[in-house]
Amino acid sequence: MCGFPPPTDTVTARQPRGQERAITGNRQTGWAFADAFVAEDEALRWARDRAREAGLPSVSPGTGAALRMLAATADAKAVAEIGTGTGVSGIHLLHGMRPDGVLTTVDPEPERQQFARQAFRAAGFAGNRARFIPGRALDVLPRLADGGYDLVFCDGDRVESLEYLAESLRLLRPGGLVCFEGVFADGRTVDSGPQPVEVLRLRELLRAVRESQDLIPSLLPVGDGLLCAVKR
């Protein structure tokens, strides 16, 4: 048993059928409104187009806005990102970071990072604001400094989520944030049917973060689910 609630909402399940549809519709409208609440600029749209052309997922506008706010709240000077993609999440993080902050972003595909470089430049960020490291995250992260980061954003291989968590706890200063993108897995995380390994790993990640004595967690319903936690 995974310990997570079934996909049916127990509150709405007790309502008459018509009322349940209304509540569901209102929620969907609210989520869509929240996701589009912060407008994105031309550089972000360009990065999204490159991701779409490459068949890559990118964080939703709502997730990006949340990352931007969290980076600003943490007054982040050093951020580590697992999964550069074409730069969508990186632009949001850089917008929230301090003007002298540096984003260290890791991706196994260097060509993706070239798109991100162009996107960061188009967004007005100087070249020294980002450090691009090509390679597999679990090979790169051990080389980064203990306690040297204010925020770690994980958008890599879901199968490696627990390993990312362990590395993040080492990398973060006390009071730093770790965030995981895509923890809903298109609704499969709470689906009671058989699931692939990556979804089972996400369930393990959710349990580990929720039960950790070293973390103060929150699960934000933006995009495909953003799991966040503050290191004590």
Protein backbone atom coordinates (compact mmCIF):
# COMPACT_ATOMS: atom_id res chain seq x y z
CA MET A 1 0.00 0.00 0.00
CA CYS A 2 1.38 3.43 -0.91
CA GLY A 3 -0.41 5.31 1.86
CA PHE A 4 -1.80 7.99 -0.47
CA PRO A 5 -5.51 8.78 -0.85
CA PRO A 6 -7.53 7.34 -3.71
CA PRO A 7 -8.09 9.64 -6.69
CA THR A 8 -11.76 10.28 -5.78
CA ASP A 9 -12.23 13.33 -3.58
CA THR A 10 -14.19 12.17 -0.50
CA VAL A 11 -15.77 15.59 0.01
CA THR A 12 -17.16 15.95 -3.49
CA ALA A 13 -18.12 12.26 -3.60
CA ARG A 14 -20.88 12.94 -1.03
CA GLN A 15 -22.39 15.73 -3.11
CA PRO A 16 -25.20 15.27 -5.65
CA ARG A 17 -23.91 14.48 -9.10
CA GLY A 18 -24.62 17.92 -10.56
CA GLN A 19 -22.98 19.70 -7.65
CA GLU A 20 -19.91 17.45 -7.91
CA ARG A 21 -19.49 18.43 -11.56
CA ALA A 22 -19.75 22.11 -10.62
CA ILE A 23 -17.11 21.79 -7.92
CA THR A 24 -14.79 19.91 -10.27
CA GLY A 25 -15.31 22.49 -12.98
CA ASN A 26 -14.59 25.34 -10.60
CA ARG A 27 -11.39 23.67 -9.48
CA GLN A 28 -10.22 23.09 -13.03
CA THR A 29 -10.99 26.70 -13.92
CA GLY A 30 -9.16 27.90 -10.83
CA TRP A 31 -6.10 25.77 -11.59
CA ALA A 32 -6.01 27.03 -15.19
CA PHE A 33 -6.33 30.63 -14.00
CA ALA A 34 -3.54 30.15 -11.43
CA ASP A 35 -1.26 28.55 -14.00
CA ALA A 36 -1.64 31.51 -16.36
CA PHE A 37 -1.60 34.19 -13.65
CA VAL A 38 1.98 35.33 -14.30
CA ALA A 39 2.61 36.33 -17.92
CA GLU A 40 5.73 35.01 -19.64
CA ASP A 41 7.99 37.11 -21.85
CA GLU A 42 9.34 36.49 -25.33
CA ALA A 43 12.49 34.72 -24.12
CA LEU A 44 10.41 32.20 -22.18
CA ARG A 45 8.10 31.63 -25.12
CA TRP A 46 11.14 31.06 -27.35
CA ALA A 47 12.55 28.50 -24.88
CA ARG A 48 9.15 26.75 -24.71
CA ASP A 49 9.01 26.56 -28.50
CA ARG A 50 12.47 24.93 -28.60
CA ALA A 51 11.36 22.41 -25.98
CA ARG A 52 8.20 21.62 -27.92
CA GLU A 53 10.16 21.12 -31.14
CA ALA A 54 12.53 18.74 -29.34
CA GLY A 55 9.68 16.81 -27.74
CA LEU A 56 10.78 17.85 -24.25
CA PRO A 57 8.47 18.72 -21.37
CA SER A 58 8.95 22.07 -19.69
CA VAL A 59 7.61 23.45 -16.44
CA SER A 60 4.19 25.11 -16.64
CA PRO A 61 3.93 28.90 -16.28
CA GLY A 62 2.43 28.40 -12.81
CA THR A 63 5.31 26.15 -11.76
CA GLY A 64 7.79 28.63 -13.16
CA ALA A 65 6.15 31.47 -11.24
CA ALA A 66 6.31 29.41 -8.04
CA LEU A 67 10.02 28.70 -8.59
CA ARG A 68 10.66 32.39 -9.22
CA MET A 69 8.88 33.34 -5.99
CA LEU A 70 10.65 30.65 -3.94
CA ALA A 71 14.05 31.74 -5.23
CA ALA A 72 13.22 35.33 -4.29
CA THR A 73 11.90 34.31 -0.87
CA ALA A 74 15.13 32.44 -0.17
CA ASP A 75 17.14 35.45 -1.42
CA ALA A 76 18.96 32.80 -3.41
CA LYS A 77 22.52 33.47 -4.50
CA ALA A 78 23.41 29.89 -5.44
CA VAL A 79 20.90 27.54 -7.07
CA ALA A 80 21.47 24.06 -8.47
CA GLU A 81 19.18 22.75 -11.19
CA ILE A 82 18.91 19.11 -12.27
CA GLY A 83 17.62 19.11 -15.84
CA THR A 84 18.48 22.21 -17.87
CA GLY A 85 16.11 21.43 -20.72
CA THR A 86 15.92 24.45 -23.02
CA GLY A 87 16.05 26.96 -20.18
CA VAL A 88 12.42 27.57 -19.20
CA SER A 89 12.79 26.78 -15.51
CA GLY A 90 16.24 28.37 -15.44
CA ILE A 91 14.88 31.73 -16.62
CA HIS A 92 12.27 31.70 -13.88
CA LEU A 93 14.84 30.80 -11.24
CA LEU A 94 17.25 33.50 -12.42
CA HIS A 95 14.50 36.12 -12.31
CA GLY A 96 13.87 35.25 -8.66
CA MET A 97 17.52 35.05 -7.59
CA ARG A 98 19.69 37.89 -6.37
CA PRO A 99 21.27 40.03 -9.13
CA ASP A 100 24.67 38.51 -8.29
CA GLY A 101 23.29 34.95 -8.05
CA VAL A 102 24.63 32.05 -10.09
CA LEU A 103 22.55 29.14 -11.41
CA THR A 104 24.43 25.84 -11.72
CA THR A 105 22.47 23.71 -14.16
CA VAL A 106 23.14 20.08 -15.06
CA ASP A 107 21.89 18.13 -18.07
CA PRO A 108 23.12 15.01 -19.89
CA GLU A 109 22.44 16.63 -23.30
CA PRO A 110 24.83 19.52 -24.10
CA GLU A 111 22.80 20.57 -27.15
CA ARG A 112 19.87 21.38 -24.88
CA GLN A 113 22.13 23.58 -22.82
CA GLN A 114 23.05 25.54 -25.93
CA PHE A 115 19.38 26.42 -26.36
CA ALA A 116 19.27 27.43 -22.69
CA ARG A 117 22.32 29.68 -23.15
CA GLN A 118 20.55 31.49 -25.97
CA ALA A 119 17.36 31.79 -23.94
CA PHE A 120 19.20 33.19 -20.90
CA ARG A 121 20.96 35.72 -23.10
CA ALA A 122 17.66 36.73 -24.74
CA ALA A 123 16.17 37.18 -21.26
CA GLY A 124 18.92 39.69 -20.48
CA PHE A 125 21.12 37.63 -18.16
CA ALA A 126 24.88 38.03 -18.32
CA GLY A 127 26.92 34.98 -19.23
CA ASN A 128 28.38 34.69 -15.73
CA ARG A 129 24.93 34.22 -14.17
CA ALA A 130 24.79 30.54 -15.20
CA ARG A 131 27.22 27.66 -14.98
CA PHE A 132 26.39 24.85 -17.41
CA ILE A 133 27.66 21.36 -16.54
CA PRO A 134 26.94 18.58 -19.05
CA GLY A 135 26.62 15.11 -17.60
CA ARG A 136 24.48 12.72 -15.62
CA ALA A 137 23.23 14.38 -12.44
CA LEU A 138 24.39 11.64 -10.08
CA ASP A 139 27.90 11.93 -11.52
CA VAL A 140 27.98 15.73 -11.25
CA LEU A 141 26.22 16.47 -7.94
CA PRO A 142 28.83 14.78 -5.71
CA ARG A 143 31.36 17.31 -7.04
CA LEU A 144 29.33 20.30 -5.83
CA ALA A 145 30.05 21.94 -2.46
CA ASP A 146 28.40 20.78 0.76
CA GLY A 147 26.00 23.38 2.15
CA GLY A 148 26.77 25.74 -0.71
CA TYR A 149 23.29 26.17 -2.18
CA ASP A 150 20.14 28.06 -1.26
CA LEU A 151 17.81 26.09 -3.54
CA VAL A 152 17.98 22.84 -5.49
CA PHE A 153 15.45 22.25 -8.25
CA CYS A 154 15.06 18.64 -9.42
CA ASP A 155 13.56 17.97 -12.85
CA GLY A 156 15.55 14.96 -13.96
CA ASP A 157 15.08 11.20 -14.11
CA ARG A 158 12.19 10.34 -11.78
CA VAL A 159 13.71 6.93 -11.07
CA GLU A 160 16.62 8.74 -9.40
CA SER A 161 14.43 11.01 -7.25
CA LEU A 162 15.50 9.56 -3.90
CA GLU A 163 19.16 9.93 -4.84
CA TYR A 164 18.50 13.55 -5.82
CA LEU A 165 16.92 14.10 -2.41
CA ALA A 166 19.95 12.73 -0.60
CA GLU A 167 22.30 14.90 -2.64
CA SER A 168 20.09 17.95 -2.15
CA LEU A 169 20.17 17.59 1.63
CA ARG A 170 23.95 17.60 1.46
CA LEU A 171 24.11 20.58 -0.92
CA LEU A 172 21.62 22.82 0.89
CA ARG A 173 22.39 25.25 3.68
CA PRO A 174 20.03 25.21 6.69
CA GLY A 175 16.89 27.07 5.59
CA GLY A 176 17.50 26.13 1.95
CA LEU A 177 14.80 24.74 -0.34
CA VAL A 178 14.54 21.58 -2.41
CA CYS A 179 11.85 21.34 -5.12
CA PHE A 180 10.77 18.40 -7.28
CA GLU A 181 8.81 18.89 -10.48
CA GLY A 182 6.20 16.47 -11.86
CA VAL A 183 5.36 14.50 -8.73
CA PHE A 184 1.73 14.00 -9.80
CA ALA A 185 2.93 12.08 -12.89
CA ASP A 186 -0.24 13.03 -14.78
CA GLY A 187 -2.37 11.67 -11.92
CA ARG A 188 -0.67 8.29 -11.76
CA THR A 189 0.90 8.92 -8.35
CA VAL A 190 -2.51 8.55 -6.66
CA ASP A 191 -3.91 6.00 -9.13
CA SER A 192 -4.52 2.66 -7.42
CA GLY A 193 -3.71 0.62 -10.56
CA PRO A 194 -0.33 -0.95 -11.41
CA GLN A 195 2.28 1.72 -12.14
CA PRO A 196 5.76 1.86 -13.71
CA VAL A 197 8.92 2.09 -11.63
CA GLU A 198 9.19 5.87 -11.99
CA VAL A 199 5.79 6.37 -10.36
CA LEU A 200 6.65 3.98 -7.53
CA ARG A 201 9.83 5.99 -6.95
CA LEU A 202 7.80 9.21 -6.79
CA ARG A 203 5.58 7.65 -4.13
CA GLU A 204 8.69 6.73 -2.16
CA LEU A 205 9.98 10.28 -2.57
CA LEU A 206 6.73 11.78 -1.30
CA ARG A 207 6.80 9.51 1.75
CA ALA A 208 10.46 10.25 2.44
CA VAL A 209 9.98 14.03 2.26
CA ARG A 210 6.78 13.97 4.31
CA GLU A 211 8.30 11.79 7.04
CA SER A 212 11.76 13.38 7.18
CA GLN A 213 12.67 15.09 10.45
CA ASP A 214 15.10 17.28 8.49
CA LEU A 215 12.50 18.86 6.21
CA ILE A 216 9.40 21.08 6.37
CA PRO A 217 7.39 19.99 3.30
CA SER A 218 4.59 21.29 1.10
CA LEU A 219 3.02 19.88 -2.07
CA LEU A 220 1.91 22.63 -4.44
CA PRO A 221 -0.82 21.83 -7.01
CA VAL A 222 0.79 23.77 -9.87
CA GLY A 223 1.65 22.22 -13.21
CA ASP A 224 2.16 18.50 -12.71
CA GLY A 225 2.78 18.91 -8.98
CA LEU A 226 5.65 20.74 -7.29
CA LEU A 227 6.97 19.11 -4.12
CA CYS A 228 8.88 21.62 -1.97
CA ALA A 229 10.61 21.37 1.37
CA VAL A 230 12.77 23.57 3.58
CA LYS A 231 15.84 22.06 5.21
CA ARG A 232 15.79 22.60 8.96
